[in-house]
Each structure stands twice: as C-alpha cells, then as structure tokens.
Amino acid sequence: MTILTTFIGNSHFGRSYAVNLNHAHEELEGIIEQISVRMDIGRVVENVKR
C-alpha cells in the first residue's frame, strides 16, 4: 500500500523526464557519499595531528 501511495503522490511518476531525474538523483547520491567519506578521512587526519 505504501508503494502505491508513493507512486500516486509522486508528481514525476510516468513523466518523460523521470528516467533522467532518477539518474541524476543516483549520481548526486554518489557524490554525496564521496564527500562524506572524504570529510570523515579529514576528521581522522585532524585527530591524528592532535
């Protein structure tokens, strides 16, 4: 039921640009993950320097 409600409530569902929008979202998630990992590494380096 939740999945059906998600589709009904999604104004982008079935639109011609939805595939591109999903791809862009996946790429953005990958970039966010890379930044998160780099920030974590930076925090570790800062703590080691102390």
PDB file of N, CA and C in Angstrom:
ATOM      1  N   MET A   1       0.819  -1.191   0.000  1.00  0.00           N
ATOM      2  CA  MET A   1       0.000   0.000   0.000  1.00  0.00           C
ATOM      3  C   MET A   1       0.866   1.259   0.000  1.00  0.00           C
ATOM      4  N   THR A   2       1.949   1.225   0.780  1.00  0.00           N
ATOM      5  CA  THR A   2       2.839   2.386   0.847  1.00  0.00           C
ATOM      6  C   THR A   2       3.451   2.677  -0.517  1.00  0.00           C
ATOM      7  N   ILE A   3       3.840   1.632  -1.228  1.00  0.00           N
ATOM      8  CA  ILE A   3       4.445   1.813  -2.549  1.00  0.00           C
ATOM      9  C   ILE A   3       3.440   2.436  -3.508  1.00  0.00           C
ATOM     10  N   LEU A   4       2.212   1.960  -3.504  1.00  0.00           N
ATOM     11  CA  LEU A   4       1.173   2.515  -4.359  1.00  0.00           C
ATOM     12  C   LEU A   4       0.945   3.990  -4.038  1.00  0.00           C
ATOM     13  N   THR A   5       0.893   4.318  -2.760  1.00  0.00           N
ATOM     14  CA  THR A   5       0.711   5.714  -2.338  1.00  0.00           C
ATOM     15  C   THR A   5       1.878   6.570  -2.796  1.00  0.00           C
ATOM     16  N   THR A   6       3.097   6.024  -2.755  1.00  0.00           N
ATOM     17  CA  THR A   6       4.275   6.761  -3.206  1.00  0.00           C
ATOM     18  C   THR A   6       4.156   7.097  -4.683  1.00  0.00           C
ATOM     19  N   PHE A   7       3.719   6.150  -5.490  1.00  0.00           N
ATOM     20  CA  PHE A   7       3.560   6.407  -6.927  1.00  0.00           C
ATOM     21  C   PHE A   7       2.482   7.450  -7.184  1.00  0.00           C
ATOM     22  N   ILE A   8       1.378   7.332  -6.496  1.00  0.00           N
ATOM     23  CA  ILE A   8       0.273   8.271  -6.687  1.00  0.00           C
ATOM     24  C   ILE A   8       0.680   9.678  -6.251  1.00  0.00           C
ATOM     25  N   GLY A   9       1.423   9.775  -5.159  1.00  0.00           N
ATOM     26  CA  GLY A   9       1.839  11.066  -4.633  1.00  0.00           C
ATOM     27  C   GLY A   9       3.029  11.671  -5.347  1.00  0.00           C
ATOM     28  N   ASN A  10       3.677  10.908  -6.221  1.00  0.00           N
ATOM     29  CA  ASN A  10       4.863  11.380  -6.927  1.00  0.00           C
ATOM     30  C   ASN A  10       4.434  12.081  -8.220  1.00  0.00           C
ATOM     31  N   SER A  11       4.579  13.394  -8.237  1.00  0.00           N
ATOM     32  CA  SER A  11       4.156  14.162  -9.412  1.00  0.00           C
ATOM     33  C   SER A  11       5.039  13.913 -10.639  1.00  0.00           C
ATOM     34  N   HIS A  12       6.194  13.265 -10.446  1.00  0.00           N
ATOM     35  CA  HIS A  12       7.109  12.990 -11.561  1.00  0.00           C
ATOM     36  C   HIS A  12       6.887  11.609 -12.168  1.00  0.00           C
ATOM     37  N   PHE A  13       6.125  10.759 -11.489  1.00  0.00           N
ATOM     38  CA  PHE A  13       5.919   9.380 -11.942  1.00  0.00           C
ATOM     39  C   PHE A  13       5.276   9.359 -13.336  1.00  0.00           C
ATOM     40  N   GLY A  14       5.909   8.611 -14.226  1.00  0.00           N
ATOM     41  CA  GLY A  14       5.384   8.450 -15.573  1.00  0.00           C
ATOM     42  C   GLY A  14       5.730   9.574 -16.538  1.00  0.00           C
ATOM     43  N   ARG A  15       6.418  10.585 -16.060  1.00  0.00           N
ATOM     44  CA  ARG A  15       6.785  11.697 -16.939  1.00  0.00           C
ATOM     45  C   ARG A  15       7.973  11.294 -17.805  1.00  0.00           C
ATOM     46  N   SER A  16       8.117  11.938 -18.941  1.00  0.00           N
ATOM     47  CA  SER A  16       9.188  11.579 -19.881  1.00  0.00           C
ATOM     48  C   SER A  16      10.575  11.851 -19.310  1.00  0.00           C
ATOM     49  N   TYR A  17      10.680  12.775 -18.411  1.00  0.00           N
ATOM     50  CA  TYR A  17      11.985  13.127 -17.832  1.00  0.00           C
ATOM     51  C   TYR A  17      12.307  12.326 -16.570  1.00  0.00           C
ATOM     52  N   ALA A  18      11.418  11.449 -16.129  1.00  0.00           N
ATOM     53  CA  ALA A  18      11.607  10.732 -14.861  1.00  0.00           C
ATOM     54  C   ALA A  18      12.877   9.883 -14.859  1.00  0.00           C
ATOM     55  N   VAL A  19      13.205   9.248 -15.978  1.00  0.00           N
ATOM     56  CA  VAL A  19      14.410   8.416 -16.040  1.00  0.00           C
ATOM     57  C   VAL A  19      15.648   9.279 -15.823  1.00  0.00           C
ATOM     58  N   ASN A  20      15.698  10.437 -16.491  1.00  0.00           N
ATOM     59  CA  ASN A  20      16.841  11.341 -16.316  1.00  0.00           C
ATOM     60  C   ASN A  20      16.898  11.875 -14.892  1.00  0.00           C
ATOM     61  N   LEU A  21      15.753  12.161 -14.321  1.00  0.00           N
ATOM     62  CA  LEU A  21      15.699  12.653 -12.949  1.00  0.00           C
ATOM     63  C   LEU A  21      16.207  11.597 -11.977  1.00  0.00           C
ATOM     64  N   ASN A  22      15.807  10.351 -12.188  1.00  0.00           N
ATOM     65  CA  ASN A  22      16.291   9.257 -11.331  1.00  0.00           C
ATOM     66  C   ASN A  22      17.792   9.067 -11.470  1.00  0.00           C
ATOM     67  N   HIS A  23      18.299   9.165 -12.695  1.00  0.00           N
ATOM     68  CA  HIS A  23      19.736   9.017 -12.926  1.00  0.00           C
ATOM     69  C   HIS A  23      20.508  10.144 -12.233  1.00  0.00           C
ATOM     70  N   ALA A  24      20.016  11.354 -12.360  1.00  0.00           N
ATOM     71  CA  ALA A  24      20.669  12.491 -11.705  1.00  0.00           C
ATOM     72  C   ALA A  24      20.654  12.316 -10.190  1.00  0.00           C
ATOM     73  N   HIS A  25      19.565  11.801  -9.657  1.00  0.00           N
ATOM     74  CA  HIS A  25      19.472  11.564  -8.217  1.00  0.00           C
ATOM     75  C   HIS A  25      20.500  10.527  -7.770  1.00  0.00           C
ATOM     76  N   GLU A  26      20.647   9.461  -8.538  1.00  0.00           N
ATOM     77  CA  GLU A  26      21.638   8.433  -8.215  1.00  0.00           C
ATOM     78  C   GLU A  26      23.052   9.007  -8.260  1.00  0.00           C
ATOM     79  N   GLU A  27      23.350   9.830  -9.265  1.00  0.00           N
ATOM     80  CA  GLU A  27      24.668  10.453  -9.351  1.00  0.00           C
ATOM     81  C   GLU A  27      24.915  11.372  -8.166  1.00  0.00           C
ATOM     82  N   LEU A  28      23.901  12.133  -7.792  1.00  0.00           N
ATOM     83  CA  LEU A  28      24.026  13.037  -6.650  1.00  0.00           C
ATOM     84  C   LEU A  28      24.277  12.253  -5.366  1.00  0.00           C
ATOM     85  N   GLU A  29      23.595  11.145  -5.183  1.00  0.00           N
ATOM     86  CA  GLU A  29      23.836  10.313  -4.005  1.00  0.00           C
ATOM     87  C   GLU A  29      25.274   9.816  -3.976  1.00  0.00           C
ATOM     88  N   GLY A  30      25.822   9.447  -5.139  1.00  0.00           N
ATOM     89  CA  GLY A  30      27.217   9.007  -5.212  1.00  0.00           C
ATOM     90  C   GLY A  30      28.185  10.110  -4.842  1.00  0.00           C
ATOM     91  N   ILE A  31      27.912  11.308  -5.306  1.00  0.00           N
ATOM     92  CA  ILE A  31      28.767  12.452  -4.985  1.00  0.00           C
ATOM     93  C   ILE A  31      28.714  12.751  -3.492  1.00  0.00           C
ATOM     94  N   ILE A  32      27.519  12.703  -2.936  1.00  0.00           N
ATOM     95  CA  ILE A  32      27.359  12.952  -1.505  1.00  0.00           C
ATOM     96  C   ILE A  32      28.131  11.909  -0.695  1.00  0.00           C
ATOM     97  N   GLU A  33      28.083  10.659  -1.125  1.00  0.00           N
ATOM     98  CA  GLU A  33      28.820   9.605  -0.431  1.00  0.00           C
ATOM     99  C   GLU A  33      30.325   9.859  -0.496  1.00  0.00           C
ATOM    100  N   GLN A  34      30.827  10.265  -1.673  1.00  0.00           N
ATOM    101  CA  GLN A  34      32.259  10.567  -1.806  1.00  0.00           C
ATOM    102  C   GLN A  34      32.668  11.708  -0.889  1.00  0.00           C
ATOM    103  N   ILE A  35      31.862  12.745  -0.848  1.00  0.00           N
ATOM    104  CA  ILE A  35      32.170  13.893   0.009  1.00  0.00           C
ATOM    105  C   ILE A  35      32.152  13.481   1.472  1.00  0.00           C
ATOM    106  N   SER A  36      31.184  12.665   1.841  1.00  0.00           N
ATOM    107  CA  SER A  36      31.082  12.198   3.223  1.00  0.00           C
ATOM    108  C   SER A  36      32.327  11.410   3.629  1.00  0.00           C
ATOM    109  N   VAL A  37      32.765  10.517   2.748  1.00  0.00           N
ATOM    110  CA  VAL A  37      33.962   9.724   3.043  1.00  0.00           C
ATOM    111  C   VAL A  37      35.184  10.631   3.172  1.00  0.00           C
ATOM    112  N   ARG A  38      35.325  11.591   2.276  1.00  0.00           N
ATOM    113  CA  ARG A  38      36.471  12.499   2.334  1.00  0.00           C
ATOM    114  C   ARG A  38      36.454  13.351   3.601  1.00  0.00           C
ATOM    115  N   MET A  39      35.252  13.763   4.016  1.00  0.00           N
ATOM    116  CA  MET A  39      35.150  14.541   5.248  1.00  0.00           C
ATOM    117  C   MET A  39      35.517  13.681   6.450  1.00  0.00           C
ATOM    118  N   ASP A  40      35.086  12.418   6.444  1.00  0.00           N
ATOM    119  CA  ASP A  40      35.446  11.509   7.537  1.00  0.00           C
ATOM    120  C   ASP A  40      36.955  11.307   7.590  1.00  0.00           C
ATOM    121  N   ILE A  41      37.574  11.134   6.444  1.00  0.00           N
ATOM    122  CA  ILE A  41      39.035  10.970   6.400  1.00  0.00           C
ATOM    123  C   ILE A  41      39.708  12.234   6.920  1.00  0.00           C
ATOM    124  N   GLY A  42      39.205  13.387   6.536  1.00  0.00           N
ATOM    125  CA  GLY A  42      39.761  14.656   7.006  1.00  0.00           C
ATOM    126  C   GLY A  42      39.667  14.784   8.519  1.00  0.00           C
ATOM    127  N   ARG A  43      38.560  14.330   9.098  1.00  0.00           N
ATOM    128  CA  ARG A  43      38.408  14.366  10.558  1.00  0.00           C
ATOM    129  C   ARG A  43      39.412  13.443  11.233  1.00  0.00           C
ATOM    130  N   VAL A  44      39.632  12.272  10.653  1.00  0.00           N
ATOM    131  CA  VAL A  44      40.603  11.332  11.214  1.00  0.00           C
ATOM    132  C   VAL A  44      41.995  11.930  11.163  1.00  0.00           C
ATOM    133  N   VAL A  45      42.348  12.536  10.038  1.00  0.00           N
ATOM    134  CA  VAL A  45      43.670  13.161   9.886  1.00  0.00           C
ATOM    135  C   VAL A  45      43.846  14.274  10.911  1.00  0.00           C
ATOM    136  N   GLU A  46      42.827  15.103  11.084  1.00  0.00           N
ATOM    137  CA  GLU A  46      42.897  16.189  12.069  1.00  0.00           C
ATOM    138  C   GLU A  46      43.090  15.638  13.483  1.00  0.00           C
ATOM    139  N   ASN A  47      42.405  14.555  13.805  1.00  0.00           N
ATOM    140  CA  ASN A  47      42.544  13.965  15.129  1.00  0.00           C
ATOM    141  C   ASN A  47      43.920  13.343  15.334  1.00  0.00           C
ATOM    142  N   VAL A  48      44.497  12.787  14.281  1.00  0.00           N
ATOM    143  CA  VAL A  48      45.837  12.193  14.376  1.00  0.00           C
ATOM    144  C   VAL A  48      46.878  13.300  14.594  1.00  0.00           C
ATOM    145  N   LYS A  49      46.675  14.461  13.974  1.00  0.00           N
ATOM    146  CA  LYS A  49      47.617  15.576  14.102  1.00  0.00           C
ATOM    147  C   LYS A  49      47.648  16.126  15.522  1.00  0.00           C
ATOM    148  N   ARG A  50      46.575  15.945  16.256  1.00  0.00           N
ATOM    149  CA  ARG A  50      46.497  16.483  17.619  1.00  0.00           C
ATOM    150  C   ARG A  50      47.272  15.655  18.519  1.00  0.00           C
TER     151      ARG A  50
END
